[in-house]
């Protein structure tokens, strides 16, 4: 039944994406390039709405066939709809950062209130110490942070969609056959349908509705997994998403240190230095996704063999550091 649900998620997602692509101008879903953009001509956005509808169709079909997701998974999905709704609003009529952050915080708060926070630090021994009450605010920071970082990295054809497919697939593999794994399969399938139209040269973009939905689910779905595997699954997700986490952190730190406005549109992310906006993004994005695939495999190894987890963390640090070094070399070359 999950296979049929995945097919339904793919088909519905692709159909909705195609409709939005054709009607984008009429409904106000056009992305006009700015200082942050990697594209040079206006393109439709809001394709992530197809992912939302695709997952909904897949869930509806599988539930009708007897699959039970339960209140835990449904809590995460309902919270994700809050974030996606705020993102869609922003796609149609731009919002300031505050209402979007409020929506994300409320959604994350709902998940943590219903499912709990971190019991331990999601790092390998001996740093996996008990957290007590601190685990609640750390879980909130994790979910809201990943949601925003995923949005920051959604700036190249196929990059965010490809990364989401990898990490959804990793979650599904790690906790199969738990209900959360079925939701992750549907997420990967629906996102793959969007990727058909988003791969370079992209015909349509995720939009905030899509990056918010995907980023939130990738961060929050581990909290719907069995409690004894929660921290290990978070470490798997963090390792898979390492390029999407380290790049924004270092970029924001650099801008803060130089006194530049954090909220201003810019092209200072490492991944943006590795992609020429005047050319197809396919080559650069393919290389980044291949690197992300190795990170996802490393996270999977750490999940199965915790004794090797520090090697996986070291690989994540090495890959992220290499990306940053290469990006800095590109910056230096461009200034000459």
C-alpha atoms as a PDB file:
ATOM      1  CA  UNK A   1       0.000   0.000   0.000  1.00  0.00           C
ATOM      2  CA  UNK A   2       2.870   2.392   0.681  1.00  0.00           C
ATOM      3  CA  UNK A   3       4.071   1.892  -2.897  1.00  0.00           C
ATOM      4  CA  UNK A   4       0.652   2.881  -4.239  1.00  0.00           C
ATOM      5  CA  UNK A   5       0.594   5.857  -1.893  1.00  0.00           C
ATOM      6  CA  UNK A   6       4.009   6.927  -3.189  1.00  0.00           C
ATOM      7  CA  UNK A   7       2.754   6.713  -6.781  1.00  0.00           C
ATOM      8  CA  UNK A   8      -0.287   8.794  -5.858  1.00  0.00           C
ATOM      9  CA  UNK A   9       1.925  11.339  -4.092  1.00  0.00           C
ATOM     10  CA  UNK A  10       4.145  11.597  -7.166  1.00  0.00           C
ATOM     11  CA  UNK A  11       1.264  11.908  -9.632  1.00  0.00           C
ATOM     12  CA  UNK A  12      -0.747  14.458  -7.662  1.00  0.00           C
ATOM     13  CA  UNK A  13       2.339  16.508  -6.818  1.00  0.00           C
ATOM     14  CA  UNK A  14       3.394  16.666 -10.477  1.00  0.00           C
ATOM     15  CA  UNK A  15      -0.130  17.597 -11.596  1.00  0.00           C
ATOM     16  CA  UNK A  16      -0.376  20.431  -9.052  1.00  0.00           C
ATOM     17  CA  UNK A  17       3.113  21.686  -9.908  1.00  0.00           C
ATOM     18  CA  UNK A  18       2.180  21.823 -13.605  1.00  0.00           C
ATOM     19  CA  UNK A  19      -1.025  23.740 -12.843  1.00  0.00           C
ATOM     20  CA  UNK A  20       0.822  26.276 -10.694  1.00  0.00           C
ATOM     21  CA  UNK A  21       3.524  26.604 -13.339  1.00  0.00           C
ATOM     22  CA  UNK A  22       0.929  27.524 -15.953  1.00  0.00           C
ATOM     23  CA  UNK A  23      -1.184  29.773 -13.714  1.00  0.00           C
ATOM     24  CA  UNK A  24       1.594  31.444 -11.712  1.00  0.00           C
ATOM     25  CA  UNK A  25       1.064  34.914 -13.148  1.00  0.00           C
ATOM     26  CA  UNK A  26      -2.666  34.856 -12.492  1.00  0.00           C
ATOM     27  CA  UNK A  27      -2.264  33.871  -8.844  1.00  0.00           C
ATOM     28  CA  UNK A  28       0.730  36.082  -8.068  1.00  0.00           C
ATOM     29  CA  UNK A  29       3.345  33.343  -7.788  1.00  0.00           C
ATOM     30  CA  UNK A  30       6.190  34.852  -9.807  1.00  0.00           C
ATOM     31  CA  UNK A  31       9.732  35.010  -8.433  1.00  0.00           C
ATOM     32  CA  UNK A  32      11.462  38.192  -9.606  1.00  0.00           C
ATOM     33  CA  UNK A  33      15.286  37.995  -9.283  1.00  0.00           C
ATOM     34  CA  UNK A  34      16.968  39.983  -6.488  1.00  0.00           C
ATOM     35  CA  UNK A  35      20.458  40.191  -4.998  1.00  0.00           C
ATOM     36  CA  UNK A  36      20.070  36.703  -3.483  1.00  0.00           C
ATOM     37  CA  UNK A  37      18.812  34.975  -6.610  1.00  0.00           C
ATOM     38  CA  UNK A  38      20.759  32.535  -8.748  1.00  0.00           C
ATOM     39  CA  UNK A  39      18.336  33.007 -11.664  1.00  0.00           C
ATOM     40  CA  UNK A  40      18.304  35.995 -14.007  1.00  0.00           C
ATOM     41  CA  UNK A  41      14.721  35.933 -15.360  1.00  0.00           C
ATOM     42  CA  UNK A  42      11.348  35.794 -13.526  1.00  0.00           C
ATOM     43  CA  UNK A  43      10.119  32.249 -12.896  1.00  0.00           C
ATOM     44  CA  UNK A  44       6.997  30.702 -11.304  1.00  0.00           C
ATOM     45  CA  UNK A  45       7.312  29.806  -7.630  1.00  0.00           C
ATOM     46  CA  UNK A  46       5.134  27.980  -5.124  1.00  0.00           C
ATOM     47  CA  UNK A  47       5.827  24.557  -6.609  1.00  0.00           C
ATOM     48  CA  UNK A  48       6.180  23.261  -3.073  1.00  0.00           C
ATOM     49  CA  UNK A  49       2.407  23.434  -2.837  1.00  0.00           C
ATOM     50  CA  UNK A  50       2.421  20.419  -5.137  1.00  0.00           C
ATOM     51  CA  UNK A  51       4.531  18.532  -2.585  1.00  0.00           C
ATOM     52  CA  UNK A  52       2.004  19.345   0.137  1.00  0.00           C
ATOM     53  CA  UNK A  53      -0.941  18.179  -1.982  1.00  0.00           C
ATOM     54  CA  UNK A  54       0.982  15.131  -3.155  1.00  0.00           C
ATOM     55  CA  UNK A  55       1.724  14.015   0.390  1.00  0.00           C
ATOM     56  CA  UNK A  56      -1.897  14.638   1.369  1.00  0.00           C
ATOM     57  CA  UNK A  57      -3.078  12.456  -1.522  1.00  0.00           C
ATOM     58  CA  UNK A  58      -0.655   9.698  -0.597  1.00  0.00           C
ATOM     59  CA  UNK A  59      -1.725   9.778   3.035  1.00  0.00           C
ATOM     60  CA  UNK A  60      -5.392   9.764   2.070  1.00  0.00           C
ATOM     61  CA  UNK A  61      -4.945   6.723  -0.176  1.00  0.00           C
ATOM     62  CA  UNK A  62      -2.886   4.751   2.314  1.00  0.00           C
ATOM     63  CA  UNK A  63      -5.172   5.542   5.245  1.00  0.00           C
ATOM     64  CA  UNK A  64      -8.121   4.423   3.144  1.00  0.00           C
ATOM     65  CA  UNK A  65      -6.263   1.166   2.535  1.00  0.00           C
ATOM     66  CA  UNK A  66      -5.656   0.512   6.216  1.00  0.00           C
ATOM     67  CA  UNK A  67      -2.319   2.198   6.958  1.00  0.00           C
ATOM     68  CA  UNK A  68      -2.357   3.866  10.379  1.00  0.00           C
ATOM     69  CA  UNK A  69      -0.166   6.927  10.890  1.00  0.00           C
ATOM     70  CA  UNK A  70      -1.399   7.698  14.378  1.00  0.00           C
ATOM     71  CA  UNK A  71      -1.640  10.985  16.267  1.00  0.00           C
ATOM     72  CA  UNK A  72       2.133  11.380  16.593  1.00  0.00           C
ATOM     73  CA  UNK A  73       2.873  11.584  12.871  1.00  0.00           C
ATOM     74  CA  UNK A  74      -0.298  13.559  12.204  1.00  0.00           C
ATOM     75  CA  UNK A  75       0.790  16.118  14.830  1.00  0.00           C
ATOM     76  CA  UNK A  76       4.002  16.766  12.889  1.00  0.00           C
ATOM     77  CA  UNK A  77       2.169  17.003   9.564  1.00  0.00           C
ATOM     78  CA  UNK A  78      -0.465  19.380  10.988  1.00  0.00           C
ATOM     79  CA  UNK A  79       2.284  21.588  12.424  1.00  0.00           C
ATOM     80  CA  UNK A  80       4.003  21.524   9.044  1.00  0.00           C
ATOM     81  CA  UNK A  81       0.832  22.873   7.445  1.00  0.00           C
ATOM     82  CA  UNK A  82       1.068  25.940   9.703  1.00  0.00           C
ATOM     83  CA  UNK A  83       4.571  26.653   8.404  1.00  0.00           C
ATOM     84  CA  UNK A  84       3.586  25.930   4.799  1.00  0.00           C
ATOM     85  CA  UNK A  85       0.582  28.258   5.069  1.00  0.00           C
ATOM     86  CA  UNK A  86       2.763  31.123   6.283  1.00  0.00           C
ATOM     87  CA  UNK A  87       5.177  30.373   3.446  1.00  0.00           C
ATOM     88  CA  UNK A  88       2.400  30.407   0.852  1.00  0.00           C
ATOM     89  CA  UNK A  89       1.182  33.737   2.176  1.00  0.00           C
ATOM     90  CA  UNK A  90       4.713  35.091   1.816  1.00  0.00           C
ATOM     91  CA  UNK A  91       4.949  33.724  -1.735  1.00  0.00           C
ATOM     92  CA  UNK A  92       1.750  35.534  -2.764  1.00  0.00           C
ATOM     93  CA  UNK A  93       2.132  38.694  -0.677  1.00  0.00           C
ATOM     94  CA  UNK A  94       5.554  39.126   0.977  1.00  0.00           C
ATOM     95  CA  UNK A  95       5.590  38.999   4.777  1.00  0.00           C
ATOM     96  CA  UNK A  96       8.202  40.339   7.154  1.00  0.00           C
ATOM     97  CA  UNK A  97      10.359  37.842   9.002  1.00  0.00           C
ATOM     98  CA  UNK A  98       8.435  38.212  12.276  1.00  0.00           C
ATOM     99  CA  UNK A  99       5.102  36.565  11.346  1.00  0.00           C
ATOM    100  CA  UNK A 100       6.915  33.715   9.630  1.00  0.00           C
ATOM    101  CA  UNK A 101       9.086  33.138  12.695  1.00  0.00           C
ATOM    102  CA  UNK A 102       6.009  33.233  14.913  1.00  0.00           C
ATOM    103  CA  UNK A 103       4.310  30.594  12.751  1.00  0.00           C
ATOM    104  CA  UNK A 104       7.425  28.406  12.831  1.00  0.00           C
ATOM    105  CA  UNK A 105       7.802  28.792  16.599  1.00  0.00           C
ATOM    106  CA  UNK A 106       4.154  27.930  17.203  1.00  0.00           C
ATOM    107  CA  UNK A 107       4.389  24.881  14.953  1.00  0.00           C
ATOM    108  CA  UNK A 108       7.629  23.714  16.580  1.00  0.00           C
ATOM    109  CA  UNK A 109       6.153  24.386  20.016  1.00  0.00           C
ATOM    110  CA  UNK A 110       3.156  22.224  19.176  1.00  0.00           C
ATOM    111  CA  UNK A 111       5.393  19.335  18.143  1.00  0.00           C
ATOM    112  CA  UNK A 112       7.605  19.570  21.220  1.00  0.00           C
ATOM    113  CA  UNK A 113       4.640  20.028  23.561  1.00  0.00           C
ATOM    114  CA  UNK A 114       2.944  16.921  22.183  1.00  0.00           C
ATOM    115  CA  UNK A 115       5.997  14.722  21.567  1.00  0.00           C
ATOM    116  CA  UNK A 116       8.678  16.030  23.921  1.00  0.00           C
ATOM    117  CA  UNK A 117      12.131  17.438  23.304  1.00  0.00           C
ATOM    118  CA  UNK A 118      15.615  15.967  23.395  1.00  0.00           C
ATOM    119  CA  UNK A 119      16.363  13.585  26.249  1.00  0.00           C
ATOM    120  CA  UNK A 120      20.075  13.625  25.437  1.00  0.00           C
ATOM    121  CA  UNK A 121      22.477  15.647  23.293  1.00  0.00           C
ATOM    122  CA  UNK A 122      22.160  14.163  19.766  1.00  0.00           C
ATOM    123  CA  UNK A 123      25.903  13.561  19.469  1.00  0.00           C
ATOM    124  CA  UNK A 124      28.022  10.406  19.859  1.00  0.00           C
ATOM    125  CA  UNK A 125      29.355   9.299  23.252  1.00  0.00           C
ATOM    126  CA  UNK A 126      30.715  10.718  25.456  1.00  0.00           C
ATOM    127  CA  UNK A 127      28.875  13.953  24.519  1.00  0.00           C
ATOM    128  CA  UNK A 128      25.433  12.317  24.536  1.00  0.00           C
ATOM    129  CA  UNK A 129      24.757  13.607  28.027  1.00  0.00           C
ATOM    130  CA  UNK A 130      21.316  13.850  29.591  1.00  0.00           C
ATOM    131  CA  UNK A 131      19.686  17.257  29.032  1.00  0.00           C
ATOM    132  CA  UNK A 132      16.726  17.411  31.394  1.00  0.00           C
ATOM    133  CA  UNK A 133      14.512  20.461  30.833  1.00  0.00           C
ATOM    134  CA  UNK A 134      17.094  22.039  28.489  1.00  0.00           C
ATOM    135  CA  UNK A 135      16.096  19.441  25.904  1.00  0.00           C
ATOM    136  CA  UNK A 136      12.847  21.325  25.249  1.00  0.00           C
ATOM    137  CA  UNK A 137      14.308  24.703  24.147  1.00  0.00           C
ATOM    138  CA  UNK A 138      17.066  22.906  22.229  1.00  0.00           C
ATOM    139  CA  UNK A 139      14.443  20.957  20.291  1.00  0.00           C
ATOM    140  CA  UNK A 140      12.633  24.199  19.467  1.00  0.00           C
ATOM    141  CA  UNK A 141      15.881  25.796  18.267  1.00  0.00           C
ATOM    142  CA  UNK A 142      16.667  22.734  16.165  1.00  0.00           C
ATOM    143  CA  UNK A 143      13.298  22.668  14.385  1.00  0.00           C
ATOM    144  CA  UNK A 144      13.053  26.425  13.762  1.00  0.00           C
ATOM    145  CA  UNK A 145      16.732  26.649  12.827  1.00  0.00           C
ATOM    146  CA  UNK A 146      16.618  23.836  10.277  1.00  0.00           C
ATOM    147  CA  UNK A 147      13.410  25.253   8.785  1.00  0.00           C
ATOM    148  CA  UNK A 148      15.070  28.600   8.180  1.00  0.00           C
ATOM    149  CA  UNK A 149      18.419  27.218   7.063  1.00  0.00           C
ATOM    150  CA  UNK A 150      16.674  25.032   4.499  1.00  0.00           C
ATOM    151  CA  UNK A 151      14.952  28.152   3.180  1.00  0.00           C
ATOM    152  CA  UNK A 152      18.272  30.020   3.015  1.00  0.00           C
ATOM    153  CA  UNK A 153      19.735  27.230   0.864  1.00  0.00           C
ATOM    154  CA  UNK A 154      16.833  27.113  -1.577  1.00  0.00           C
ATOM    155  CA  UNK A 155      18.491  29.224  -4.237  1.00  0.00           C
ATOM    156  CA  UNK A 156      19.687  26.924  -7.009  1.00  0.00           C
ATOM    157  CA  UNK A 157      17.788  24.750  -9.477  1.00  0.00           C
ATOM    158  CA  UNK A 158      17.250  21.308  -7.981  1.00  0.00           C
ATOM    159  CA  UNK A 159      19.388  21.783  -4.878  1.00  0.00           C
ATOM    160  CA  UNK A 160      16.767  21.939  -2.114  1.00  0.00           C
ATOM    161  CA  UNK A 161      14.518  19.396  -3.809  1.00  0.00           C
ATOM    162  CA  UNK A 162      17.380  16.969  -4.308  1.00  0.00           C
ATOM    163  CA  UNK A 163      18.562  17.354  -0.728  1.00  0.00           C
ATOM    164  CA  UNK A 164      15.014  16.837   0.587  1.00  0.00           C
ATOM    165  CA  UNK A 165      14.691  13.598  -1.405  1.00  0.00           C
ATOM    166  CA  UNK A 166      17.950  12.292   0.054  1.00  0.00           C
ATOM    167  CA  UNK A 167      17.066  13.101   3.646  1.00  0.00           C
ATOM    168  CA  UNK A 168      13.434  11.932   3.426  1.00  0.00           C
ATOM    169  CA  UNK A 169      14.728   8.649   2.009  1.00  0.00           C
ATOM    170  CA  UNK A 170      17.258   8.340   4.833  1.00  0.00           C
ATOM    171  CA  UNK A 171      14.559   8.848   7.475  1.00  0.00           C
ATOM    172  CA  UNK A 172      12.339   6.235   5.806  1.00  0.00           C
ATOM    173  CA  UNK A 173      15.180   3.715   5.625  1.00  0.00           C
ATOM    174  CA  UNK A 174      16.298   4.263   9.217  1.00  0.00           C
ATOM    175  CA  UNK A 175      12.976   3.686  10.969  1.00  0.00           C
ATOM    176  CA  UNK A 176      11.109   1.409   8.553  1.00  0.00           C
ATOM    177  CA  UNK A 177       8.368   0.135   9.071  1.00  0.00           C
ATOM    178  CA  UNK A 178       7.325   2.763  11.642  1.00  0.00           C
ATOM    179  CA  UNK A 179       4.480   5.127  10.589  1.00  0.00           C
ATOM    180  CA  UNK A 180       6.940   8.027  10.358  1.00  0.00           C
ATOM    181  CA  UNK A 181       8.848   6.054   7.702  1.00  0.00           C
ATOM    182  CA  UNK A 182       5.735   5.854   5.540  1.00  0.00           C
ATOM    183  CA  UNK A 183       5.299   9.639   5.781  1.00  0.00           C
ATOM    184  CA  UNK A 184       8.946  10.107   4.783  1.00  0.00           C
ATOM    185  CA  UNK A 185       8.476   7.833   1.735  1.00  0.00           C
ATOM    186  CA  UNK A 186       5.557   9.993   0.614  1.00  0.00           C
ATOM    187  CA  UNK A 187       7.660  13.115   1.200  1.00  0.00           C
ATOM    188  CA  UNK A 188      10.477  11.754  -0.962  1.00  0.00           C
ATOM    189  CA  UNK A 189       8.071  10.722  -3.728  1.00  0.00           C
ATOM    190  CA  UNK A 190       6.176  14.030  -3.826  1.00  0.00           C
ATOM    191  CA  UNK A 191       9.434  16.005  -3.771  1.00  0.00           C
ATOM    192  CA  UNK A 192      10.826  13.887  -6.604  1.00  0.00           C
ATOM    193  CA  UNK A 193       7.793  14.905  -8.688  1.00  0.00           C
ATOM    194  CA  UNK A 194       8.529  18.569  -7.994  1.00  0.00           C
ATOM    195  CA  UNK A 195      12.167  17.959  -8.922  1.00  0.00           C
ATOM    196  CA  UNK A 196      11.060  16.889 -12.425  1.00  0.00           C
ATOM    197  CA  UNK A 197      10.148  20.534 -13.085  1.00  0.00           C
ATOM    198  CA  UNK A 198      12.746  22.113 -10.792  1.00  0.00           C
ATOM    199  CA  UNK A 199      15.879  20.453 -12.158  1.00  0.00           C
ATOM    200  CA  UNK A 200      18.142  22.776 -14.127  1.00  0.00           C
ATOM    201  CA  UNK A 201      16.996  24.692 -15.990  1.00  0.00           C
ATOM    202  CA  UNK A 202      14.139  25.041 -13.504  1.00  0.00           C
ATOM    203  CA  UNK A 203      10.656  25.770 -14.793  1.00  0.00           C
ATOM    204  CA  UNK A 204       9.345  26.461 -11.291  1.00  0.00           C
ATOM    205  CA  UNK A 205      10.731  27.063  -7.784  1.00  0.00           C
ATOM    206  CA  UNK A 206       9.834  25.634  -4.368  1.00  0.00           C
ATOM    207  CA  UNK A 207       8.797  28.966  -2.911  1.00  0.00           C
ATOM    208  CA  UNK A 208       8.591  29.502   0.842  1.00  0.00           C
ATOM    209  CA  UNK A 209       5.613  27.152   0.967  1.00  0.00           C
ATOM    210  CA  UNK A 210       7.841  24.324  -0.232  1.00  0.00           C
ATOM    211  CA  UNK A 211      11.089  25.119   1.570  1.00  0.00           C
ATOM    212  CA  UNK A 212       9.184  25.746   4.805  1.00  0.00           C
ATOM    213  CA  UNK A 213       7.215  22.507   4.510  1.00  0.00           C
ATOM    214  CA  UNK A 214      10.232  20.366   3.600  1.00  0.00           C
ATOM    215  CA  UNK A 215      12.635  21.953   6.078  1.00  0.00           C
ATOM    216  CA  UNK A 216      10.129  21.705   8.930  1.00  0.00           C
ATOM    217  CA  UNK A 217       9.291  18.058   8.243  1.00  0.00           C
ATOM    218  CA  UNK A 218      12.925  17.015   7.938  1.00  0.00           C
ATOM    219  CA  UNK A 219      13.639  18.604  11.323  1.00  0.00           C
ATOM    220  CA  UNK A 220      10.454  17.476  13.080  1.00  0.00           C
ATOM    221  CA  UNK A 221       9.801  13.954  11.757  1.00  0.00           C
ATOM    222  CA  UNK A 222      12.531  12.435  13.987  1.00  0.00           C
ATOM    223  CA  UNK A 223      10.387  13.444  16.976  1.00  0.00           C
ATOM    224  CA  UNK A 224       7.674  11.116  15.651  1.00  0.00           C
ATOM    225  CA  UNK A 225      10.092   8.173  15.685  1.00  0.00           C
ATOM    226  CA  UNK A 226      10.364   5.805  18.658  1.00  0.00           C
ATOM    227  CA  UNK A 227      11.816   7.739  21.587  1.00  0.00           C
ATOM    228  CA  UNK A 228      14.807   5.449  21.978  1.00  0.00           C
ATOM    229  CA  UNK A 229      15.909   6.257  18.409  1.00  0.00           C
ATOM    230  CA  UNK A 230      15.115   9.975  18.385  1.00  0.00           C
ATOM    231  CA  UNK A 231      18.580  11.398  19.010  1.00  0.00           C
ATOM    232  CA  UNK A 232      20.234   8.918  16.628  1.00  0.00           C
ATOM    233  CA  UNK A 233      17.766   9.877  13.905  1.00  0.00           C
ATOM    234  CA  UNK A 234      18.378  13.589  14.514  1.00  0.00           C
ATOM    235  CA  UNK A 235      22.116  12.959  14.118  1.00  0.00           C
ATOM    236  CA  UNK A 236      21.406  11.141  10.841  1.00  0.00           C
ATOM    237  CA  UNK A 237      19.319  14.082   9.591  1.00  0.00           C
ATOM    238  CA  UNK A 238      21.935  16.607  10.720  1.00  0.00           C
ATOM    239  CA  UNK A 239      24.707  14.676   8.962  1.00  0.00           C
ATOM    240  CA  UNK A 240      22.656  14.363   5.768  1.00  0.00           C
ATOM    241  CA  UNK A 241      21.877  18.099   5.906  1.00  0.00           C
ATOM    242  CA  UNK A 242      25.399  19.155   6.900  1.00  0.00           C
ATOM    243  CA  UNK A 243      25.915  21.354   3.833  1.00  0.00           C
ATOM    244  CA  UNK A 244      22.546  22.995   4.495  1.00  0.00           C
ATOM    245  CA  UNK A 245      23.433  23.660   8.147  1.00  0.00           C
ATOM    246  CA  UNK A 246      27.107  24.624   8.120  1.00  0.00           C
ATOM    247  CA  UNK A 247      26.902  26.981   5.114  1.00  0.00           C
ATOM    248  CA  UNK A 248      24.176  29.243   6.636  1.00  0.00           C
ATOM    249  CA  UNK A 249      25.839  29.282  10.064  1.00  0.00           C
ATOM    250  CA  UNK A 250      29.233  30.336   8.677  1.00  0.00           C
ATOM    251  CA  UNK A 251      27.666  32.821   6.264  1.00  0.00           C
ATOM    252  CA  UNK A 252      25.619  34.478   9.013  1.00  0.00           C
ATOM    253  CA  UNK A 253      28.655  34.542  11.320  1.00  0.00           C
ATOM    254  CA  UNK A 254      30.769  36.224   8.636  1.00  0.00           C
ATOM    255  CA  UNK A 255      28.110  38.839   7.920  1.00  0.00           C
ATOM    256  CA  UNK A 256      27.629  39.493  11.651  1.00  0.00           C
ATOM    257  CA  UNK A 257      31.366  39.888  12.182  1.00  0.00           C
ATOM    258  CA  UNK A 258      31.606  42.401   9.329  1.00  0.00           C
ATOM    259  CA  UNK A 259      28.625  44.436  10.550  1.00  0.00           C
ATOM    260  CA  UNK A 260      26.406  43.735   7.534  1.00  0.00           C
ATOM    261  CA  UNK A 261      22.621  43.415   7.848  1.00  0.00           C
ATOM    262  CA  UNK A 262      21.685  39.775   8.365  1.00  0.00           C
ATOM    263  CA  UNK A 263      18.283  40.147   6.702  1.00  0.00           C
ATOM    264  CA  UNK A 264      19.555  41.801   3.512  1.00  0.00           C
ATOM    265  CA  UNK A 265      19.443  39.744   0.303  1.00  0.00           C
ATOM    266  CA  UNK A 266      22.912  38.559  -0.705  1.00  0.00           C
ATOM    267  CA  UNK A 267      24.916  35.955  -2.623  1.00  0.00           C
ATOM    268  CA  UNK A 268      27.507  35.078  -0.013  1.00  0.00           C
ATOM    269  CA  UNK A 269      26.569  31.465   0.711  1.00  0.00           C
ATOM    270  CA  UNK A 270      29.236  28.956  -0.207  1.00  0.00           C
ATOM    271  CA  UNK A 271      26.926  27.078  -2.557  1.00  0.00           C
ATOM    272  CA  UNK A 272      26.228  30.299  -4.475  1.00  0.00           C
ATOM    273  CA  UNK A 273      29.928  30.712  -5.175  1.00  0.00           C
ATOM    274  CA  UNK A 274      30.018  27.244  -6.713  1.00  0.00           C
ATOM    275  CA  UNK A 275      27.236  27.928  -9.227  1.00  0.00           C
ATOM    276  CA  UNK A 276      27.423  30.391 -12.098  1.00  0.00           C
ATOM    277  CA  UNK A 277      24.026  32.175 -12.317  1.00  0.00           C
ATOM    278  CA  UNK A 278      24.564  32.834 -16.024  1.00  0.00           C
ATOM    279  CA  UNK A 279      24.793  29.103 -16.804  1.00  0.00           C
ATOM    280  CA  UNK A 280      22.817  25.955 -16.124  1.00  0.00           C
ATOM    281  CA  UNK A 281      22.990  24.979 -12.464  1.00  0.00           C
ATOM    282  CA  UNK A 282      23.018  21.277 -13.264  1.00  0.00           C
ATOM    283  CA  UNK A 283      26.765  20.674 -12.972  1.00  0.00           C
ATOM    284  CA  UNK A 284      27.282  22.547  -9.716  1.00  0.00           C
ATOM    285  CA  UNK A 285      24.112  21.184  -8.132  1.00  0.00           C
ATOM    286  CA  UNK A 286      24.985  17.627  -9.165  1.00  0.00           C
ATOM    287  CA  UNK A 287      28.354  17.911  -7.435  1.00  0.00           C
ATOM    288  CA  UNK A 288      26.746  19.332  -4.298  1.00  0.00           C
ATOM    289  CA  UNK A 289      24.141  16.582  -4.221  1.00  0.00           C
ATOM    290  CA  UNK A 290      26.781  13.899  -4.707  1.00  0.00           C
ATOM    291  CA  UNK A 291      28.569  15.339  -1.681  1.00  0.00           C
ATOM    292  CA  UNK A 292      25.250  15.344   0.199  1.00  0.00           C
ATOM    293  CA  UNK A 293      24.728  11.699  -0.786  1.00  0.00           C
ATOM    294  CA  UNK A 294      28.043  10.737   0.846  1.00  0.00           C
ATOM    295  CA  UNK A 295      26.981  12.652   3.944  1.00  0.00           C
ATOM    296  CA  UNK A 296      23.660  10.824   4.004  1.00  0.00           C
ATOM    297  CA  UNK A 297      25.435   7.472   3.750  1.00  0.00           C
ATOM    298  CA  UNK A 298      27.771   8.525   6.562  1.00  0.00           C
ATOM    299  CA  UNK A 299      24.751   9.438   8.690  1.00  0.00           C
ATOM    300  CA  UNK A 300      23.219   6.047   7.958  1.00  0.00           C
ATOM    301  CA  UNK A 301      26.418   4.296   9.048  1.00  0.00           C
ATOM    302  CA  UNK A 302      26.373   6.234  12.319  1.00  0.00           C
ATOM    303  CA  UNK A 303      22.722   5.294  12.847  1.00  0.00           C
ATOM    304  CA  UNK A 304      23.398   1.564  12.447  1.00  0.00           C
ATOM    305  CA  UNK A 305      26.832   1.485  14.099  1.00  0.00           C
ATOM    306  CA  UNK A 306      26.984   4.188  16.809  1.00  0.00           C
ATOM    307  CA  UNK A 307      30.617   3.260  17.474  1.00  0.00           C
ATOM    308  CA  UNK A 308      31.455   4.799  14.083  1.00  0.00           C
ATOM    309  CA  UNK A 309      29.437   7.963  14.649  1.00  0.00           C
ATOM    310  CA  UNK A 310      32.442  10.217  15.262  1.00  0.00           C
ATOM    311  CA  UNK A 311      33.876   9.167  11.891  1.00  0.00           C
ATOM    312  CA  UNK A 312      30.603  10.264  10.291  1.00  0.00           C
ATOM    313  CA  UNK A 313      30.719  13.590  12.110  1.00  0.00           C
ATOM    314  CA  UNK A 314      34.326  14.048  10.993  1.00  0.00           C
ATOM    315  CA  UNK A 315      33.338  13.342   7.383  1.00  0.00           C
ATOM    316  CA  UNK A 316      30.522  15.918   7.623  1.00  0.00           C
ATOM    317  CA  UNK A 317      32.994  18.486   8.948  1.00  0.00           C
ATOM    318  CA  UNK A 318      35.530  17.671   6.222  1.00  0.00           C
ATOM    319  CA  UNK A 319      33.011  17.921   3.364  1.00  0.00           C
ATOM    320  CA  UNK A 320      31.514  21.153   4.700  1.00  0.00           C
ATOM    321  CA  UNK A 321      34.957  22.619   5.259  1.00  0.00           C
ATOM    322  CA  UNK A 322      36.059  21.682   1.742  1.00  0.00           C
ATOM    323  CA  UNK A 323      32.989  23.386   0.282  1.00  0.00           C
ATOM    324  CA  UNK A 324      33.804  26.543   2.227  1.00  0.00           C
ATOM    325  CA  UNK A 325      37.478  26.541   1.195  1.00  0.00           C
ATOM    326  CA  UNK A 326      36.581  26.080  -2.478  1.00  0.00           C
ATOM    327  CA  UNK A 327      33.955  28.823  -2.239  1.00  0.00           C
ATOM    328  CA  UNK A 328      36.459  31.222  -0.675  1.00  0.00           C
ATOM    329  CA  UNK A 329      38.924  30.456  -3.457  1.00  0.00           C
ATOM    330  CA  UNK A 330      36.202  31.302  -5.991  1.00  0.00           C
ATOM    331  CA  UNK A 331      35.476  34.580  -4.164  1.00  0.00           C
ATOM    332  CA  UNK A 332      39.143  35.524  -4.264  1.00  0.00           C
ATOM    333  CA  UNK A 333      39.387  34.699  -7.956  1.00  0.00           C
ATOM    334  CA  UNK A 334      36.300  36.794  -8.770  1.00  0.00           C
ATOM    335  CA  UNK A 335      37.755  39.842  -6.990  1.00  0.00           C
ATOM    336  CA  UNK A 336      40.873  39.852  -9.196  1.00  0.00           C
END
